Structure formats: structure tokens, C-alpha cells
Amino acid sequence: MITDDELKEIEARCKKTQNGPWKAYIEDRDHESGSDFIMTGEGINRQEDIEMLGATEADYDFIANTKQDIPKLIEEIIK
């Protein structure tokens, strides 16, 4: 069982990350050339891309989606 304090710590870590939404861009799947990366934010809220060594496509998709998924899960738990 997760405690209220643990839930607050998870939420605080999520809020400290770069702007969302995050989206994974995989070469030959989502764009033609360049490296795989996670785009953070959109438009004027855009921040630095995240690049990783040794990550699979599934890793990129999972990490990118946590920026949107964790707040939804926290909200569901709090209800």
C-alpha cells in the first residue's frame, strides 16, 4: 500500500521535470533522420530534448508517457 507521503513525493518528482507533454520521436518511425529523442513541452513551453544511450523504442515510449500517465494515476488514487 502506498502512503500519502509516498504519493506526495512521487507527485513532487513529477512536477520538477521539464514541461509536458512529452513525446517520443523514434528515427524511421516518427521522423526521417537524426537520433531518437523525447520532445518536452510544446510551442513557447518547449524545453530541451531528452536523449538516452542504450534505450529501446519501448523505453522511450514508456518514459515519455510517464509525464502524462503519473499525474492521471495520482488523480485517480486521490479520488
PDB file of N, CA and C in Angstrom:
ATOM      1  N   MET A   1       0.841  -1.174   0.000  1.00  0.00           N
ATOM      2  CA  MET A   1       0.000   0.000   0.000  1.00  0.00           C
ATOM      3  C   MET A   1       0.892   1.244   0.000  1.00  0.00           C
ATOM      4  N   ILE A   2       0.515   2.218  -0.763  1.00  0.00           N
ATOM      5  CA  ILE A   2       1.273   3.464  -0.849  1.00  0.00           C
ATOM      6  C   ILE A   2       0.734   4.458   0.188  1.00  0.00           C
ATOM      7  N   THR A   3       1.651   5.119   0.867  1.00  0.00           N
ATOM      8  CA  THR A   3       1.224   6.094   1.881  1.00  0.00           C
ATOM      9  C   THR A   3       0.981   7.455   1.224  1.00  0.00           C
ATOM     10  N   ASP A   4       0.303   8.326   1.944  1.00  0.00           N
ATOM     11  CA  ASP A   4       0.075   9.686   1.449  1.00  0.00           C
ATOM     12  C   ASP A   4       1.392  10.410   1.213  1.00  0.00           C
ATOM     13  N   ASP A   5       2.347  10.214   2.118  1.00  0.00           N
ATOM     14  CA  ASP A   5       3.659  10.859   1.962  1.00  0.00           C
ATOM     15  C   ASP A   5       4.381  10.362   0.716  1.00  0.00           C
ATOM     16  N   GLU A   6       4.314   9.054   0.448  1.00  0.00           N
ATOM     17  CA  GLU A   6       4.943   8.500  -0.749  1.00  0.00           C
ATOM     18  C   GLU A   6       4.299   9.071  -2.007  1.00  0.00           C
ATOM     19  N   LEU A   7       2.985   9.172  -1.997  1.00  0.00           N
ATOM     20  CA  LEU A   7       2.261   9.727  -3.142  1.00  0.00           C
ATOM     21  C   LEU A   7       2.660  11.177  -3.379  1.00  0.00           C
ATOM     22  N   LYS A   8       2.790  11.944  -2.309  1.00  0.00           N
ATOM     23  CA  LYS A   8       3.225  13.339  -2.427  1.00  0.00           C
ATOM     24  C   LYS A   8       4.646  13.439  -2.971  1.00  0.00           C
ATOM     25  N   GLU A   9       5.533  12.521  -2.582  1.00  0.00           N
ATOM     26  CA  GLU A   9       6.908  12.507  -3.083  1.00  0.00           C
ATOM     27  C   GLU A   9       6.939  12.204  -4.583  1.00  0.00           C
ATOM     28  N   ILE A  10       6.122  11.256  -5.009  1.00  0.00           N
ATOM     29  CA  ILE A  10       6.035  10.913  -6.436  1.00  0.00           C
ATOM     30  C   ILE A  10       5.537  12.117  -7.225  1.00  0.00           C
ATOM     31  N   GLU A  11       4.499  12.753  -6.731  1.00  0.00           N
ATOM     32  CA  GLU A  11       3.939  13.928  -7.398  1.00  0.00           C
ATOM     33  C   GLU A  11       4.960  15.056  -7.467  1.00  0.00           C
ATOM     34  N   ALA A  12       5.708  15.273  -6.398  1.00  0.00           N
ATOM     35  CA  ALA A  12       6.726  16.329  -6.373  1.00  0.00           C
ATOM     36  C   ALA A  12       7.829  16.049  -7.392  1.00  0.00           C
ATOM     37  N   ARG A  13       8.262  14.790  -7.505  1.00  0.00           N
ATOM     38  CA  ARG A  13       9.287  14.448  -8.504  1.00  0.00           C
ATOM     39  C   ARG A  13       8.783  14.716  -9.912  1.00  0.00           C
ATOM     40  N   CYS A  14       7.530  14.376 -10.166  1.00  0.00           N
ATOM     41  CA  CYS A  14       6.941  14.592 -11.491  1.00  0.00           C
ATOM     42  C   CYS A  14       6.869  16.072 -11.824  1.00  0.00           C
ATOM     43  N   LYS A  15       6.494  16.886 -10.854  1.00  0.00           N
ATOM     44  CA  LYS A  15       6.352  18.326 -11.090  1.00  0.00           C
ATOM     45  C   LYS A  15       7.689  19.021 -11.321  1.00  0.00           C
ATOM     46  N   LYS A  16       8.790  18.425 -10.866  1.00  0.00           N
ATOM     47  CA  LYS A  16      10.117  19.023 -11.033  1.00  0.00           C
ATOM     48  C   LYS A  16      10.702  18.790 -12.428  1.00  0.00           C
ATOM     49  N   THR A  17      10.092  17.922 -13.200  1.00  0.00           N
ATOM     50  CA  THR A  17      10.620  17.607 -14.531  1.00  0.00           C
ATOM     51  C   THR A  17      10.291  18.713 -15.531  1.00  0.00           C
ATOM     52  N   GLN A  18      10.870  18.606 -16.720  1.00  0.00           N
ATOM     53  CA  GLN A  18      10.631  19.589 -17.771  1.00  0.00           C
ATOM     54  C   GLN A  18       9.153  19.619 -18.161  1.00  0.00           C
ATOM     55  N   ASN A  19       8.771  20.706 -18.830  1.00  0.00           N
ATOM     56  CA  ASN A  19       7.385  20.904 -19.255  1.00  0.00           C
ATOM     57  C   ASN A  19       6.869  19.728 -20.073  1.00  0.00           C
ATOM     58  N   GLY A  20       5.587  19.493 -19.958  1.00  0.00           N
ATOM     59  CA  GLY A  20       4.933  18.481 -20.768  1.00  0.00           C
ATOM     60  C   GLY A  20       4.097  19.144 -21.836  1.00  0.00           C
ATOM     61  N   PRO A  21       3.488  18.394 -22.688  1.00  0.00           N
ATOM     62  CA  PRO A  21       3.584  16.944 -22.741  1.00  0.00           C
ATOM     63  C   PRO A  21       4.933  16.492 -23.282  1.00  0.00           C
ATOM     64  N   TRP A  22       5.266  15.229 -22.993  1.00  0.00           N
ATOM     65  CA  TRP A  22       6.460  14.616 -23.564  1.00  0.00           C
ATOM     66  C   TRP A  22       6.015  13.669 -24.659  1.00  0.00           C
ATOM     67  N   LYS A  23       6.818  13.588 -25.717  1.00  0.00           N
ATOM     68  CA  LYS A  23       6.512  12.670 -26.822  1.00  0.00           C
ATOM     69  C   LYS A  23       7.802  12.063 -27.334  1.00  0.00           C
ATOM     70  N   ALA A  24       7.811  10.745 -27.481  1.00  0.00           N
ATOM     71  CA  ALA A  24       8.967  10.044 -28.022  1.00  0.00           C
ATOM     72  C   ALA A  24       8.982  10.191 -29.542  1.00  0.00           C
ATOM     73  N   TYR A  25      10.151  10.472 -30.081  1.00  0.00           N
ATOM     74  CA  TYR A  25      10.370  10.509 -31.527  1.00  0.00           C
ATOM     75  C   TYR A  25      11.465   9.501 -31.847  1.00  0.00           C
ATOM     76  N   ILE A  26      11.079   8.463 -32.585  1.00  0.00           N
ATOM     77  CA  ILE A  26      11.990   7.385 -32.937  1.00  0.00           C
ATOM     78  C   ILE A  26      12.314   7.487 -34.425  1.00  0.00           C
ATOM     79  N   GLU A  27      13.621   7.476 -34.745  1.00  0.00           N
ATOM     80  CA  GLU A  27      14.054   7.552 -36.142  1.00  0.00           C
ATOM     81  C   GLU A  27      13.444   6.395 -36.934  1.00  0.00           C
ATOM     82  N   ASP A  28      12.984   6.682 -38.131  1.00  0.00           N
ATOM     83  CA  ASP A  28      12.336   5.751 -39.051  1.00  0.00           C
ATOM     84  C   ASP A  28      10.936   5.325 -38.608  1.00  0.00           C
ATOM     85  N   ARG A  29      10.484   5.779 -37.457  1.00  0.00           N
ATOM     86  CA  ARG A  29       9.103   5.539 -37.040  1.00  0.00           C
ATOM     87  C   ARG A  29       8.339   6.862 -37.017  1.00  0.00           C
ATOM     88  N   ASP A  30       8.956   7.880 -36.405  1.00  0.00           N
ATOM     89  CA  ASP A  30       8.287   9.166 -36.212  1.00  0.00           C
ATOM     90  C   ASP A  30       8.941  10.308 -36.993  1.00  0.00           C
ATOM     91  N   HIS A  31      10.150  10.106 -37.457  1.00  0.00           N
ATOM     92  CA  HIS A  31      10.846  11.118 -38.261  1.00  0.00           C
ATOM     93  C   HIS A  31      11.894  10.424 -39.112  1.00  0.00           C
ATOM     94  N   GLU A  32      12.356  11.124 -40.147  1.00  0.00           N
ATOM     95  CA  GLU A  32      13.214  10.513 -41.164  1.00  0.00           C
ATOM     96  C   GLU A  32      14.678  10.372 -40.775  1.00  0.00           C
ATOM     97  N   SER A  33      15.249  11.389 -40.141  1.00  0.00           N
ATOM     98  CA  SER A  33      16.672  11.300 -39.839  1.00  0.00           C
ATOM     99  C   SER A  33      16.979  11.965 -38.505  1.00  0.00           C
ATOM    100  N   GLY A  34      18.114  11.624 -37.951  1.00  0.00           N
ATOM    101  CA  GLY A  34      18.507  12.140 -36.656  1.00  0.00           C
ATOM    102  C   GLY A  34      18.420  11.041 -35.617  1.00  0.00           C
ATOM    103  N   SER A  35      18.592  11.396 -34.391  1.00  0.00           N
ATOM    104  CA  SER A  35      18.590  10.401 -33.320  1.00  0.00           C
ATOM    105  C   SER A  35      17.200  10.263 -32.707  1.00  0.00           C
ATOM    106  N   ASP A  36      17.049   9.221 -31.912  1.00  0.00           N
ATOM    107  CA  ASP A  36      15.829   9.062 -31.119  1.00  0.00           C
ATOM    108  C   ASP A  36      15.883  10.067 -29.976  1.00  0.00           C
ATOM    109  N   PHE A  37      14.731  10.638 -29.604  1.00  0.00           N
ATOM    110  CA  PHE A  37      14.704  11.597 -28.509  1.00  0.00           C
ATOM    111  C   PHE A  37      13.292  11.724 -27.955  1.00  0.00           C
ATOM    112  N   ILE A  38      13.192  12.365 -26.801  1.00  0.00           N
ATOM    113  CA  ILE A  38      11.902  12.713 -26.212  1.00  0.00           C
ATOM    114  C   ILE A  38      11.781  14.225 -26.280  1.00  0.00           C
ATOM    115  N   MET A  39      10.736  14.705 -26.941  1.00  0.00           N
ATOM    116  CA  MET A  39      10.475  16.140 -27.011  1.00  0.00           C
ATOM    117  C   MET A  39       9.704  16.541 -25.762  1.00  0.00           C
ATOM    118  N   THR A  40      10.144  17.615 -25.123  1.00  0.00           N
ATOM    119  CA  THR A  40       9.475  18.086 -23.913  1.00  0.00           C
ATOM    120  C   THR A  40       8.821  19.425 -24.182  1.00  0.00           C
ATOM    121  N   GLY A  41       7.561  19.540 -23.792  1.00  0.00           N
ATOM    122  CA  GLY A  41       6.813  20.774 -23.976  1.00  0.00           C
ATOM    123  C   GLY A  41       6.436  21.007 -25.430  1.00  0.00           C
ATOM    124  N   GLU A  42       5.644  22.056 -25.626  1.00  0.00           N
ATOM    125  CA  GLU A  42       5.202  22.434 -26.970  1.00  0.00           C
ATOM    126  C   GLU A  42       5.243  23.946 -27.111  1.00  0.00           C
ATOM    127  N   GLY A  43       5.444  24.411 -28.338  1.00  0.00           N
ATOM    128  CA  GLY A  43       5.394  25.849 -28.615  1.00  0.00           C
ATOM    129  C   GLY A  43       6.324  26.637 -27.716  1.00  0.00           C
ATOM    130  N   ILE A  44       5.793  27.691 -27.090  1.00  0.00           N
ATOM    131  CA  ILE A  44       6.634  28.538 -26.246  1.00  0.00           C
ATOM    132  C   ILE A  44       7.045  27.833 -24.951  1.00  0.00           C
ATOM    133  N   ASN A  45       6.398  26.711 -24.629  1.00  0.00           N
ATOM    134  CA  ASN A  45       6.754  25.931 -23.443  1.00  0.00           C
ATOM    135  C   ASN A  45       7.757  24.819 -23.739  1.00  0.00           C
ATOM    136  N   ARG A  46       8.266  24.789 -24.964  1.00  0.00           N
ATOM    137  CA  ARG A  46       9.215  23.755 -25.382  1.00  0.00           C
ATOM    138  C   ARG A  46      10.501  23.908 -24.597  1.00  0.00           C
ATOM    139  N   GLN A  47      11.052  22.772 -24.143  1.00  0.00           N
ATOM    140  CA  GLN A  47      12.317  22.762 -23.442  1.00  0.00           C
ATOM    141  C   GLN A  47      13.291  21.825 -24.147  1.00  0.00           C
ATOM    142  N   GLU A  48      14.371  21.488 -23.478  1.00  0.00           N
ATOM    143  CA  GLU A  48      15.411  20.657 -24.080  1.00  0.00           C
ATOM    144  C   GLU A  48      14.901  19.251 -24.385  1.00  0.00           C
ATOM    145  N   ASP A  49      15.337  18.701 -25.522  1.00  0.00           N
ATOM    146  CA  ASP A  49      15.037  17.311 -25.837  1.00  0.00           C
ATOM    147  C   ASP A  49      15.825  16.408 -24.893  1.00  0.00           C
ATOM    148  N   ILE A  50      15.286  15.226 -24.650  1.00  0.00           N
ATOM    149  CA  ILE A  50      15.952  14.223 -23.828  1.00  0.00           C
ATOM    150  C   ILE A  50      16.441  13.118 -24.754  1.00  0.00           C
ATOM    151  N   GLU A  51      17.720  12.811 -24.680  1.00  0.00           N
ATOM    152  CA  GLU A  51      18.300  11.716 -25.454  1.00  0.00           C
ATOM    153  C   GLU A  51      18.917  10.720 -24.487  1.00  0.00           C
ATOM    154  N   MET A  52      18.845   9.445 -24.831  1.00  0.00           N
ATOM    155  CA  MET A  52      19.356   8.394 -23.954  1.00  0.00           C
ATOM    156  C   MET A  52      20.224   7.423 -24.735  1.00  0.00           C
ATOM    157  N   LEU A  53      21.190   6.840 -24.068  1.00  0.00           N
ATOM    158  CA  LEU A  53      22.017   5.792 -24.646  1.00  0.00           C
ATOM    159  C   LEU A  53      21.494   4.439 -24.193  1.00  0.00           C
ATOM    160  N   GLY A  54      21.398   3.508 -25.107  1.00  0.00           N
ATOM    161  CA  GLY A  54      21.016   2.149 -24.756  1.00  0.00           C
ATOM    162  C   GLY A  54      19.533   1.915 -24.566  1.00  0.00           C
ATOM    163  N   ALA A  55      18.715   2.911 -24.800  1.00  0.00           N
ATOM    164  CA  ALA A  55      17.264   2.767 -24.601  1.00  0.00           C
ATOM    165  C   ALA A  55      16.619   2.142 -25.835  1.00  0.00           C
ATOM    166  N   THR A  56      15.650   1.283 -25.607  1.00  0.00           N
ATOM    167  CA  THR A  56      14.874   0.701 -26.699  1.00  0.00           C
ATOM    168  C   THR A  56      13.728   1.645 -27.061  1.00  0.00           C
ATOM    169  N   GLU A  57      13.053   1.366 -28.169  1.00  0.00           N
ATOM    170  CA  GLU A  57      11.866   2.152 -28.527  1.00  0.00           C
ATOM    171  C   GLU A  57      10.841   2.092 -27.399  1.00  0.00           C
ATOM    172  N   ALA A  58      10.666   0.917 -26.816  1.00  0.00           N
ATOM    173  CA  ALA A  58       9.707   0.760 -25.724  1.00  0.00           C
ATOM    174  C   ALA A  58      10.108   1.608 -24.516  1.00  0.00           C
ATOM    175  N   ASP A  59      11.418   1.700 -24.242  1.00  0.00           N
ATOM    176  CA  ASP A  59      11.900   2.537 -23.142  1.00  0.00           C
ATOM    177  C   ASP A  59      11.549   4.003 -23.395  1.00  0.00           C
ATOM    178  N   TYR A  60      11.817   4.475 -24.620  1.00  0.00           N
ATOM    179  CA  TYR A  60      11.490   5.862 -24.972  1.00  0.00           C
ATOM    180  C   TYR A  60       9.993   6.129 -24.813  1.00  0.00           C
ATOM    181  N   ASP A  61       9.164   5.228 -25.332  1.00  0.00           N
ATOM    182  CA  ASP A  61       7.712   5.407 -25.237  1.00  0.00           C
ATOM    183  C   ASP A  61       7.252   5.412 -23.783  1.00  0.00           C
ATOM    184  N   PHE A  62       7.792   4.487 -22.984  1.00  0.00           N
ATOM    185  CA  PHE A  62       7.405   4.401 -21.576  1.00  0.00           C
ATOM    186  C   PHE A  62       7.786   5.673 -20.824  1.00  0.00           C
ATOM    187  N   ILE A  63       9.023   6.101 -20.958  1.00  0.00           N
ATOM    188  CA  ILE A  63       9.499   7.276 -20.227  1.00  0.00           C
ATOM    189  C   ILE A  63       8.753   8.529 -20.679  1.00  0.00           C
ATOM    190  N   ALA A  64       8.557   8.683 -21.987  1.00  0.00           N
ATOM    191  CA  ALA A  64       7.835   9.857 -22.489  1.00  0.00           C
ATOM    192  C   ALA A  64       6.413   9.895 -21.932  1.00  0.00           C
ATOM    193  N   ASN A  65       5.757   8.758 -21.877  1.00  0.00           N
ATOM    194  CA  ASN A  65       4.367   8.728 -21.418  1.00  0.00           C
ATOM    195  C   ASN A  65       4.211   8.888 -19.909  1.00  0.00           C
ATOM    196  N   THR A  66       5.267   8.654 -19.137  1.00  0.00           N
ATOM    197  CA  THR A  66       5.142   8.833 -17.687  1.00  0.00           C
ATOM    198  C   THR A  66       4.792  10.268 -17.327  1.00  0.00           C
ATOM    199  N   LYS A  67       5.241  11.233 -18.130  1.00  0.00           N
ATOM    200  CA  LYS A  67       4.949  12.646 -17.845  1.00  0.00           C
ATOM    201  C   LYS A  67       3.447  12.901 -17.854  1.00  0.00           C
ATOM    202  N   GLN A  68       2.711  12.194 -18.691  1.00  0.00           N
ATOM    203  CA  GLN A  68       1.258  12.328 -18.745  1.00  0.00           C
ATOM    204  C   GLN A  68       0.563  11.302 -17.844  1.00  0.00           C
ATOM    205  N   ASP A  69       1.129  10.095 -17.745  1.00  0.00           N
ATOM    206  CA  ASP A  69       0.481   8.997 -17.026  1.00  0.00           C
ATOM    207  C   ASP A  69       0.492   9.170 -15.511  1.00  0.00           C
ATOM    208  N   ILE A  70       1.619   9.599 -14.953  1.00  0.00           N
ATOM    209  CA  ILE A  70       1.721   9.694 -13.494  1.00  0.00           C
ATOM    210  C   ILE A  70       0.707  10.681 -12.909  1.00  0.00           C
ATOM    211  N   PRO A  71       0.559  11.895 -13.462  1.00  0.00           N
ATOM    212  CA  PRO A  71      -0.473  12.786 -12.907  1.00  0.00           C
ATOM    213  C   PRO A  71      -1.880  12.178 -12.970  1.00  0.00           C
ATOM    214  N   LYS A  72      -2.190  11.450 -14.055  1.00  0.00           N
ATOM    215  CA  LYS A  72      -3.503  10.803 -14.166  1.00  0.00           C
ATOM    216  C   LYS A  72      -3.681   9.738 -13.091  1.00  0.00           C
ATOM    217  N   LEU A  73      -2.642   8.950 -12.863  1.00  0.00           N
ATOM    218  CA  LEU A  73      -2.717   7.904 -11.835  1.00  0.00           C
ATOM    219  C   LEU A  73      -2.863   8.503 -10.439  1.00  0.00           C
ATOM    220  N   ILE A  74      -2.122   9.565 -10.165  1.00  0.00           N
ATOM    221  CA  ILE A  74      -2.235  10.234  -8.866  1.00  0.00           C
ATOM    222  C   ILE A  74      -3.644  10.766  -8.664  1.00  0.00           C
ATOM    223  N   GLU A  75      -4.183  11.391  -9.689  1.00  0.00           N
ATOM    224  CA  GLU A  75      -5.550  11.916  -9.594  1.00  0.00           C
ATOM    225  C   GLU A  75      -6.554  10.804  -9.315  1.00  0.00           C
ATOM    226  N   GLU A  76      -6.370   9.664  -9.959  1.00  0.00           N
ATOM    227  CA  GLU A  76      -7.263   8.526  -9.758  1.00  0.00           C
ATOM    228  C   GLU A  76      -7.146   7.985  -8.334  1.00  0.00           C
ATOM    229  N   ILE A  77      -5.959   7.943  -7.803  1.00  0.00           N
ATOM    230  CA  ILE A  77      -5.744   7.441  -6.443  1.00  0.00           C
ATOM    231  C   ILE A  77      -6.385   8.370  -5.421  1.00  0.00           C
ATOM    232  N   ILE A  78      -6.270   9.664  -5.658  1.00  0.00           N
ATOM    233  CA  ILE A  78      -6.787  10.659  -4.708  1.00  0.00           C
ATOM    234  C   ILE A  78      -8.309  10.650  -4.644  1.00  0.00           C
ATOM    235  N   LYS A  79      -8.971  10.293  -5.755  1.00  0.00           N
ATOM    236  CA  LYS A  79     -10.451  10.303  -5.800  1.00  0.00           C
ATOM    237  C   LYS A  79     -11.067   9.473  -4.712  1.00  0.00           C
TER     238      LYS A  79
END
